[in-house]
Amino acid sequence: MNECVHVSALPRPEPEPLSETCPECLAAGSHPVQLRLCLTCGHVGCCDSSPFQHATAHSKETGHPVMRSFEPGESWRWCFVDGSIV
């Protein structure tokens, strides 16, 4: 994994999740495929394999650069700005 400037600028400790699932999927009556946690604010969104890609939409709307998997047993992180695992 690479270290990027966006990771070093993240709040410590990481934010608490704002929900247990993707609230946008719940509102739309959709089922999220995989969940992602925004490491800037704690928003939980669905991945790009989900119909609405709410995690990516959240990053584009807010400018929050890094998320991590919110799936049990996974801890990898993705930087939307750098387009890479960090």
PDB file of N, CA and C in Angstrom:
ATOM      1  N   MET A   1       0.831  -1.182   0.000  1.00  0.00           N
ATOM      2  CA  MET A   1       0.000   0.000   0.000  1.00  0.00           C
ATOM      3  C   MET A   1       0.878   1.249   0.000  1.00  0.00           C
ATOM      4  N   ASN A   2       0.408   2.261  -0.664  1.00  0.00           N
ATOM      5  CA  ASN A   2       1.136   3.520  -0.739  1.00  0.00           C
ATOM      6  C   ASN A   2       0.617   4.488   0.313  1.00  0.00           C
ATOM      7  N   GLU A   3       1.483   5.352   0.795  1.00  0.00           N
ATOM      8  CA  GLU A   3       1.060   6.421   1.688  1.00  0.00           C
ATOM      9  C   GLU A   3       0.844   7.655   0.817  1.00  0.00           C
ATOM     10  N   CYS A   4      -0.255   8.339   1.005  1.00  0.00           N
ATOM     11  CA  CYS A   4      -0.512   9.540   0.218  1.00  0.00           C
ATOM     12  C   CYS A   4      -0.778  10.705   1.164  1.00  0.00           C
ATOM     13  N   VAL A   5      -0.689  11.915   0.649  1.00  0.00           N
ATOM     14  CA  VAL A   5      -0.899  13.097   1.481  1.00  0.00           C
ATOM     15  C   VAL A   5      -2.318  13.148   2.032  1.00  0.00           C
ATOM     16  N   HIS A   6      -3.260  12.533   1.339  1.00  0.00           N
ATOM     17  CA  HIS A   6      -4.644  12.553   1.787  1.00  0.00           C
ATOM     18  C   HIS A   6      -4.827  11.699   3.039  1.00  0.00           C
ATOM     19  N   VAL A   7      -4.088  10.597   3.136  1.00  0.00           N
ATOM     20  CA  VAL A   7      -4.162   9.743   4.321  1.00  0.00           C
ATOM     21  C   VAL A   7      -3.580  10.465   5.528  1.00  0.00           C
ATOM     22  N   SER A   8      -2.446  11.114   5.349  1.00  0.00           N
ATOM     23  CA  SER A   8      -1.812  11.794   6.479  1.00  0.00           C
ATOM     24  C   SER A   8      -2.641  12.974   6.984  1.00  0.00           C
ATOM     25  N   ALA A   9      -3.549  13.496   6.162  1.00  0.00           N
ATOM     26  CA  ALA A   9      -4.392  14.628   6.564  1.00  0.00           C
ATOM     27  C   ALA A   9      -5.722  14.196   7.200  1.00  0.00           C
ATOM     28  N   LEU A  10      -5.956  12.885   7.296  1.00  0.00           N
ATOM     29  CA  LEU A  10      -7.223  12.394   7.858  1.00  0.00           C
ATOM     30  C   LEU A  10      -7.304  12.658   9.357  1.00  0.00           C
ATOM     31  N   PRO A  11      -8.521  12.842   9.874  1.00  0.00           N
ATOM     32  CA  PRO A  11      -8.672  13.016  11.320  1.00  0.00           C
ATOM     33  C   PRO A  11      -8.275  11.740  12.067  1.00  0.00           C
ATOM     34  N   ARG A  12      -7.718  11.927  13.240  1.00  0.00           N
ATOM     35  CA  ARG A  12      -7.349  10.806  14.121  1.00  0.00           C
ATOM     36  C   ARG A  12      -8.034  11.017  15.457  1.00  0.00           C
ATOM     37  N   PRO A  13      -8.672  10.032  16.043  1.00  0.00           N
ATOM     38  CA  PRO A  13      -8.939   8.726  15.446  1.00  0.00           C
ATOM     39  C   PRO A  13      -9.942   8.863  14.306  1.00  0.00           C
ATOM     40  N   GLU A  14     -10.124   7.770  13.557  1.00  0.00           N
ATOM     41  CA  GLU A  14     -11.066   7.847  12.436  1.00  0.00           C
ATOM     42  C   GLU A  14     -12.473   8.083  12.977  1.00  0.00           C
ATOM     43  N   PRO A  15     -13.301   8.740  12.188  1.00  0.00           N
ATOM     44  CA  PRO A  15     -14.659   9.068  12.648  1.00  0.00           C
ATOM     45  C   PRO A  15     -15.519   7.830  12.875  1.00  0.00           C
ATOM     46  N   GLU A  16     -16.457   7.960  13.789  1.00  0.00           N
ATOM     47  CA  GLU A  16     -17.428   6.899  14.030  1.00  0.00           C
ATOM     48  C   GLU A  16     -18.375   6.816  12.829  1.00  0.00           C
ATOM     49  N   PRO A  17     -18.786   5.622  12.436  1.00  0.00           N
ATOM     50  CA  PRO A  17     -19.761   5.494  11.346  1.00  0.00           C
ATOM     51  C   PRO A  17     -21.072   6.196  11.697  1.00  0.00           C
ATOM     52  N   LEU A  18     -21.618   6.935  10.751  1.00  0.00           N
ATOM     53  CA  LEU A  18     -22.878   7.655  10.967  1.00  0.00           C
ATOM     54  C   LEU A  18     -24.087   6.745  10.843  1.00  0.00           C
ATOM     55  N   SER A  19     -23.899   5.546  10.293  1.00  0.00           N
ATOM     56  CA  SER A  19     -24.996   4.594  10.136  1.00  0.00           C
ATOM     57  C   SER A  19     -24.419   3.193  10.002  1.00  0.00           C
ATOM     58  N   GLU A  20     -25.287   2.205  10.013  1.00  0.00           N
ATOM     59  CA  GLU A  20     -24.869   0.810   9.859  1.00  0.00           C
ATOM     60  C   GLU A  20     -24.877   0.365   8.400  1.00  0.00           C
ATOM     61  N   THR A  21     -25.578   1.126   7.552  1.00  0.00           N
ATOM     62  CA  THR A  21     -25.684   0.800   6.135  1.00  0.00           C
ATOM     63  C   THR A  21     -25.752   2.100   5.343  1.00  0.00           C
ATOM     64  N   CYS A  22     -25.914   1.988   4.051  1.00  0.00           N
ATOM     65  CA  CYS A  22     -25.978   3.160   3.180  1.00  0.00           C
ATOM     66  C   CYS A  22     -27.359   3.813   3.291  1.00  0.00           C
ATOM     67  N   PRO A  23     -27.451   5.016   3.882  1.00  0.00           N
ATOM     68  CA  PRO A  23     -28.764   5.642   4.037  1.00  0.00           C
ATOM     69  C   PRO A  23     -29.414   6.021   2.710  1.00  0.00           C
ATOM     70  N   GLU A  24     -28.607   6.341   1.705  1.00  0.00           N
ATOM     71  CA  GLU A  24     -29.163   6.680   0.394  1.00  0.00           C
ATOM     72  C   GLU A  24     -29.806   5.459  -0.259  1.00  0.00           C
ATOM     73  N   CYS A  25     -29.183   4.283  -0.085  1.00  0.00           N
ATOM     74  CA  CYS A  25     -29.793   3.051  -0.606  1.00  0.00           C
ATOM     75  C   CYS A  25     -31.101   2.753   0.115  1.00  0.00           C
ATOM     76  N   LEU A  26     -31.124   2.932   1.430  1.00  0.00           N
ATOM     77  CA  LEU A  26     -32.362   2.718   2.182  1.00  0.00           C
ATOM     78  C   LEU A  26     -33.471   3.618   1.666  1.00  0.00           C
ATOM     79  N   ALA A  27     -33.147   4.894   1.460  1.00  0.00           N
ATOM     80  CA  ALA A  27     -34.142   5.860   0.992  1.00  0.00           C
ATOM     81  C   ALA A  27     -34.648   5.510  -0.409  1.00  0.00           C
ATOM     82  N   ALA A  28     -33.753   4.944  -1.242  1.00  0.00           N
ATOM     83  CA  ALA A  28     -34.118   4.604  -2.618  1.00  0.00           C
ATOM     84  C   ALA A  28     -34.741   3.213  -2.733  1.00  0.00           C
ATOM     85  N   GLY A  29     -34.754   2.460  -1.630  1.00  0.00           N
ATOM     86  CA  GLY A  29     -35.275   1.099  -1.674  1.00  0.00           C
ATOM     87  C   GLY A  29     -34.341   0.136  -2.384  1.00  0.00           C
ATOM     88  N   SER A  30     -33.060   0.473  -2.405  1.00  0.00           N
ATOM     89  CA  SER A  30     -32.055  -0.342  -3.077  1.00  0.00           C
ATOM     90  C   SER A  30     -31.244  -1.120  -2.039  1.00  0.00           C
ATOM     91  N   HIS A  31     -30.565  -2.155  -2.494  1.00  0.00           N
ATOM     92  CA  HIS A  31     -29.737  -2.967  -1.608  1.00  0.00           C
ATOM     93  C   HIS A  31     -28.261  -2.724  -1.923  1.00  0.00           C
ATOM     94  N   PRO A  32     -27.475  -2.220  -0.937  1.00  0.00           N
ATOM     95  CA  PRO A  32     -26.051  -2.007  -1.199  1.00  0.00           C
ATOM     96  C   PRO A  32     -25.305  -3.330  -1.334  1.00  0.00           C
ATOM     97  N   VAL A  33     -24.347  -3.380  -2.262  1.00  0.00           N
ATOM     98  CA  VAL A  33     -23.557  -4.588  -2.474  1.00  0.00           C
ATOM     99  C   VAL A  33     -22.448  -4.681  -1.432  1.00  0.00           C
ATOM    100  N   GLN A  34     -21.667  -3.655  -1.268  1.00  0.00           N
ATOM    101  CA  GLN A  34     -20.576  -3.577  -0.296  1.00  0.00           C
ATOM    102  C   GLN A  34     -20.608  -2.179   0.309  1.00  0.00           C
ATOM    103  N   LEU A  35     -20.201  -2.050   1.552  1.00  0.00           N
ATOM    104  CA  LEU A  35     -20.237  -0.744   2.213  1.00  0.00           C
ATOM    105  C   LEU A  35     -18.840  -0.159   2.362  1.00  0.00           C
ATOM    106  N   ARG A  36     -18.784   1.167   2.311  1.00  0.00           N
ATOM    107  CA  ARG A  36     -17.544   1.920   2.442  1.00  0.00           C
ATOM    108  C   ARG A  36     -17.755   3.020   3.471  1.00  0.00           C
ATOM    109  N   LEU A  37     -16.722   3.302   4.275  1.00  0.00           N
ATOM    110  CA  LEU A  37     -16.775   4.324   5.320  1.00  0.00           C
ATOM    111  C   LEU A  37     -15.896   5.495   4.939  1.00  0.00           C
ATOM    112  N   CYS A  38     -16.462   6.700   4.881  1.00  0.00           N
ATOM    113  CA  CYS A  38     -15.683   7.908   4.623  1.00  0.00           C
ATOM    114  C   CYS A  38     -14.817   8.182   5.846  1.00  0.00           C
ATOM    115  N   LEU A  39     -13.517   8.315   5.636  1.00  0.00           N
ATOM    116  CA  LEU A  39     -12.604   8.523   6.751  1.00  0.00           C
ATOM    117  C   LEU A  39     -12.443   9.987   7.127  1.00  0.00           C
ATOM    118  N   THR A  40     -13.210  10.867   6.479  1.00  0.00           N
ATOM    119  CA  THR A  40     -13.245  12.269   6.875  1.00  0.00           C
ATOM    120  C   THR A  40     -14.409  12.525   7.809  1.00  0.00           C
ATOM    121  N   CYS A  41     -15.605  11.998   7.462  1.00  0.00           N
ATOM    122  CA  CYS A  41     -16.804  12.353   8.230  1.00  0.00           C
ATOM    123  C   CYS A  41     -17.595  11.177   8.799  1.00  0.00           C
ATOM    124  N   GLY A  42     -17.300   9.943   8.382  1.00  0.00           N
ATOM    125  CA  GLY A  42     -18.025   8.784   8.892  1.00  0.00           C
ATOM    126  C   GLY A  42     -19.240   8.377   8.076  1.00  0.00           C
ATOM    127  N   HIS A  43     -19.473   9.022   6.937  1.00  0.00           N
ATOM    128  CA  HIS A  43     -20.594   8.630   6.067  1.00  0.00           C
ATOM    129  C   HIS A  43     -20.390   7.194   5.596  1.00  0.00           C
ATOM    130  N   VAL A  44     -21.444   6.405   5.601  1.00  0.00           N
ATOM    131  CA  VAL A  44     -21.396   5.041   5.084  1.00  0.00           C
ATOM    132  C   VAL A  44     -22.127   5.031   3.741  1.00  0.00           C
ATOM    133  N   GLY A  45     -21.444   4.572   2.709  1.00  0.00           N
ATOM    134  CA  GLY A  45     -22.034   4.517   1.376  1.00  0.00           C
ATOM    135  C   GLY A  45     -21.745   3.191   0.712  1.00  0.00           C
ATOM    136  N   CYS A  46     -22.498   2.907  -0.342  1.00  0.00           N
ATOM    137  CA  CYS A  46     -22.323   1.655  -1.078  1.00  0.00           C
ATOM    138  C   CYS A  46     -21.208   1.807  -2.107  1.00  0.00           C
ATOM    139  N   CYS A  47     -20.637   0.669  -2.503  1.00  0.00           N
ATOM    140  CA  CYS A  47     -19.501   0.664  -3.421  1.00  0.00           C
ATOM    141  C   CYS A  47     -19.945   0.832  -4.883  1.00  0.00           C
ATOM    142  N   ASP A  48     -18.969   0.846  -5.759  1.00  0.00           N
ATOM    143  CA  ASP A  48     -19.251   1.039  -7.181  1.00  0.00           C
ATOM    144  C   ASP A  48     -19.891  -0.176  -7.841  1.00  0.00           C
ATOM    145  N   SER A  49     -19.970  -1.310  -7.138  1.00  0.00           N
ATOM    146  CA  SER A  49     -20.701  -2.464  -7.658  1.00  0.00           C
ATOM    147  C   SER A  49     -22.190  -2.370  -7.346  1.00  0.00           C
ATOM    148  N   SER A  50     -22.560  -1.415  -6.505  1.00  0.00           N
ATOM    149  CA  SER A  50     -23.965  -1.169  -6.195  1.00  0.00           C
ATOM    150  C   SER A  50     -24.569  -0.278  -7.279  1.00  0.00           C
ATOM    151  N   PRO A  51     -25.885  -0.349  -7.465  1.00  0.00           N
ATOM    152  CA  PRO A  51     -26.512   0.414  -8.551  1.00  0.00           C
ATOM    153  C   PRO A  51     -26.266   1.924  -8.503  1.00  0.00           C
ATOM    154  N   PHE A  52     -26.195   2.508  -7.301  1.00  0.00           N
ATOM    155  CA  PHE A  52     -26.117   3.970  -7.214  1.00  0.00           C
ATOM    156  C   PHE A  52     -24.739   4.517  -6.846  1.00  0.00           C
ATOM    157  N   GLN A  53     -23.792   3.668  -6.451  1.00  0.00           N
ATOM    158  CA  GLN A  53     -22.408   4.078  -6.181  1.00  0.00           C
ATOM    159  C   GLN A  53     -22.333   5.279  -5.235  1.00  0.00           C
ATOM    160  N   HIS A  54     -23.001   5.174  -4.087  1.00  0.00           N
ATOM    161  CA  HIS A  54     -23.112   6.298  -3.166  1.00  0.00           C
ATOM    162  C   HIS A  54     -21.798   6.704  -2.498  1.00  0.00           C
ATOM    163  N   ALA A  55     -20.861   5.788  -2.286  1.00  0.00           N
ATOM    164  CA  ALA A  55     -19.579   6.177  -1.690  1.00  0.00           C
ATOM    165  C   ALA A  55     -18.812   7.103  -2.632  1.00  0.00           C
ATOM    166  N   THR A  56     -18.774   6.752  -3.901  1.00  0.00           N
ATOM    167  CA  THR A  56     -18.105   7.610  -4.886  1.00  0.00           C
ATOM    168  C   THR A  56     -18.837   8.940  -5.027  1.00  0.00           C
ATOM    169  N   ALA A  57     -20.154   8.898  -5.061  1.00  0.00           N
ATOM    170  CA  ALA A  57     -20.937  10.142  -5.150  1.00  0.00           C
ATOM    171  C   ALA A  57     -20.653  11.042  -3.958  1.00  0.00           C
ATOM    172  N   HIS A  58     -20.549  10.452  -2.763  1.00  0.00           N
ATOM    173  CA  HIS A  58     -20.248  11.235  -1.557  1.00  0.00           C
ATOM    174  C   HIS A  58     -18.891  11.931  -1.701  1.00  0.00           C
ATOM    175  N   SER A  59     -17.890  11.206  -2.170  1.00  0.00           N
ATOM    176  CA  SER A  59     -16.568  11.798  -2.351  1.00  0.00           C
ATOM    177  C   SER A  59     -16.601  12.941  -3.370  1.00  0.00           C
ATOM    178  N   LYS A  60     -17.301  12.738  -4.479  1.00  0.00           N
ATOM    179  CA  LYS A  60     -17.397  13.790  -5.503  1.00  0.00           C
ATOM    180  C   LYS A  60     -18.131  15.021  -4.979  1.00  0.00           C
ATOM    181  N   GLU A  61     -19.183  14.809  -4.190  1.00  0.00           N
ATOM    182  CA  GLU A  61     -19.979  15.928  -3.668  1.00  0.00           C
ATOM    183  C   GLU A  61     -19.263  16.699  -2.570  1.00  0.00           C
ATOM    184  N   THR A  62     -18.495  16.001  -1.748  1.00  0.00           N
ATOM    185  CA  THR A  62     -17.889  16.632  -0.570  1.00  0.00           C
ATOM    186  C   THR A  62     -16.412  16.942  -0.730  1.00  0.00           C
ATOM    187  N   GLY A  63     -15.744  16.246  -1.632  1.00  0.00           N
ATOM    188  CA  GLY A  63     -14.298  16.375  -1.747  1.00  0.00           C
ATOM    189  C   GLY A  63     -13.546  15.535  -0.721  1.00  0.00           C
ATOM    190  N   HIS A  64     -14.260  14.711   0.039  1.00  0.00           N
ATOM    191  CA  HIS A  64     -13.599  13.832   1.013  1.00  0.00           C
ATOM    192  C   HIS A  64     -12.838  12.761   0.241  1.00  0.00           C
ATOM    193  N   PRO A  65     -11.522  12.664   0.441  1.00  0.00           N
ATOM    194  CA  PRO A  65     -10.701  11.863  -0.462  1.00  0.00           C
ATOM    195  C   PRO A  65     -10.579  10.375  -0.175  1.00  0.00           C
ATOM    196  N   VAL A  66     -10.679   9.941   1.087  1.00  0.00           N
ATOM    197  CA  VAL A  66     -10.316   8.564   1.414  1.00  0.00           C
ATOM    198  C   VAL A  66     -11.461   7.842   2.119  1.00  0.00           C
ATOM    199  N   MET A  67     -11.687   6.596   1.723  1.00  0.00           N
ATOM    200  CA  MET A  67     -12.653   5.739   2.403  1.00  0.00           C
ATOM    201  C   MET A  67     -11.960   4.424   2.706  1.00  0.00           C
ATOM    202  N   ARG A  68     -12.589   3.656   3.589  1.00  0.00           N
ATOM    203  CA  ARG A  68     -12.116   2.294   3.812  1.00  0.00           C
ATOM    204  C   ARG A  68     -13.303   1.351   3.697  1.00  0.00           C
ATOM    205  N   SER A  69     -12.980   0.088   3.487  1.00  0.00           N
ATOM    206  CA  SER A  69     -14.042  -0.907   3.448  1.00  0.00           C
ATOM    207  C   SER A  69     -14.740  -0.937   4.801  1.00  0.00           C
ATOM    208  N   PHE A  70     -16.047  -1.048   4.788  1.00  0.00           N
ATOM    209  CA  PHE A  70     -16.844  -1.146   6.005  1.00  0.00           C
ATOM    210  C   PHE A  70     -17.424  -2.553   6.123  1.00  0.00           C
ATOM    211  N   GLU A  71     -16.771  -3.503   5.453  1.00  0.00           N
ATOM    212  CA  GLU A  71     -17.175  -4.900   5.487  1.00  0.00           C
ATOM    213  C   GLU A  71     -16.402  -5.631   6.589  1.00  0.00           C
ATOM    214  N   PRO A  72     -17.048  -6.572   7.279  1.00  0.00           N
ATOM    215  CA  PRO A  72     -16.367  -7.319   8.338  1.00  0.00           C
ATOM    216  C   PRO A  72     -15.092  -7.999   7.831  1.00  0.00           C
ATOM    217  N   GLY A  73     -14.018  -7.838   8.599  1.00  0.00           N
ATOM    218  CA  GLY A  73     -12.751  -8.479   8.267  1.00  0.00           C
ATOM    219  C   GLY A  73     -11.915  -7.759   7.229  1.00  0.00           C
ATOM    220  N   GLU A  74     -12.392  -6.639   6.707  1.00  0.00           N
ATOM    221  CA  GLU A  74     -11.631  -5.869   5.708  1.00  0.00           C
ATOM    222  C   GLU A  74     -11.224  -4.521   6.295  1.00  0.00           C
ATOM    223  N   SER A  75     -10.011  -4.079   5.946  1.00  0.00           N
ATOM    224  CA  SER A  75      -9.550  -2.779   6.445  1.00  0.00           C
ATOM    225  C   SER A  75      -8.839  -1.944   5.381  1.00  0.00           C
ATOM    226  N   TRP A  76      -8.871  -2.379   4.116  1.00  0.00           N
ATOM    227  CA  TRP A  76      -8.190  -1.637   3.068  1.00  0.00           C
ATOM    228  C   TRP A  76      -8.842  -0.262   2.860  1.00  0.00           C
ATOM    229  N   ARG A  77      -8.031   0.666   2.376  1.00  0.00           N
ATOM    230  CA  ARG A  77      -8.496   2.033   2.132  1.00  0.00           C
ATOM    231  C   ARG A  77      -8.260   2.419   0.675  1.00  0.00           C
ATOM    232  N   TRP A  78      -9.102   3.318   0.183  1.00  0.00           N
ATOM    233  CA  TRP A  78      -9.019   3.790  -1.198  1.00  0.00           C
ATOM    234  C   TRP A  78      -9.000   5.310  -1.212  1.00  0.00           C
ATOM    235  N   CYS A  79      -8.059   5.881  -1.966  1.00  0.00           N
ATOM    236  CA  CYS A  79      -8.027   7.325  -2.160  1.00  0.00           C
ATOM    237  C   CYS A  79      -8.658   7.647  -3.507  1.00  0.00           C
ATOM    238  N   PHE A  80      -9.770   8.377  -3.465  1.00  0.00           N
ATOM    239  CA  PHE A  80     -10.461   8.755  -4.707  1.00  0.00           C
ATOM    240  C   PHE A  80      -9.620   9.719  -5.533  1.00  0.00           C
ATOM    241  N   VAL A  81      -8.843  10.579  -4.890  1.00  0.00           N
ATOM    242  CA  VAL A  81      -8.023  11.558  -5.597  1.00  0.00           C
ATOM    243  C   VAL A  81      -6.902  10.875  -6.364  1.00  0.00           C
ATOM    244  N   ASP A  82      -6.180   9.984  -5.681  1.00  0.00           N
ATOM    245  CA  ASP A  82      -5.052   9.296  -6.299  1.00  0.00           C
ATOM    246  C   ASP A  82      -5.482   8.074  -7.113  1.00  0.00           C
ATOM    247  N   GLY A  83      -6.722   7.607  -6.894  1.00  0.00           N
ATOM    248  CA  GLY A  83      -7.208   6.436  -7.615  1.00  0.00           C
ATOM    249  C   GLY A  83      -6.434   5.178  -7.271  1.00  0.00           C
ATOM    250  N   SER A  84      -6.107   5.029  -5.975  1.00  0.00           N
ATOM    251  CA  SER A  84      -5.322   3.857  -5.588  1.00  0.00           C
ATOM    252  C   SER A  84      -5.609   3.419  -4.157  1.00  0.00           C
ATOM    253  N   ILE A  85      -5.253   2.179  -3.885  1.00  0.00           N
ATOM    254  CA  ILE A  85      -5.324   1.655  -2.522  1.00  0.00           C
ATOM    255  C   ILE A  85      -4.201   2.304  -1.742  1.00  0.00           C
ATOM    256  N   VAL A  86      -4.532   2.747  -0.527  1.00  0.00           N
ATOM    257  CA  VAL A  86      -3.525   3.427   0.306  1.00  0.00           C
ATOM    258  C   VAL A  86      -3.445   2.796   1.671  1.00  0.00           C
TER     259      VAL A  86
END
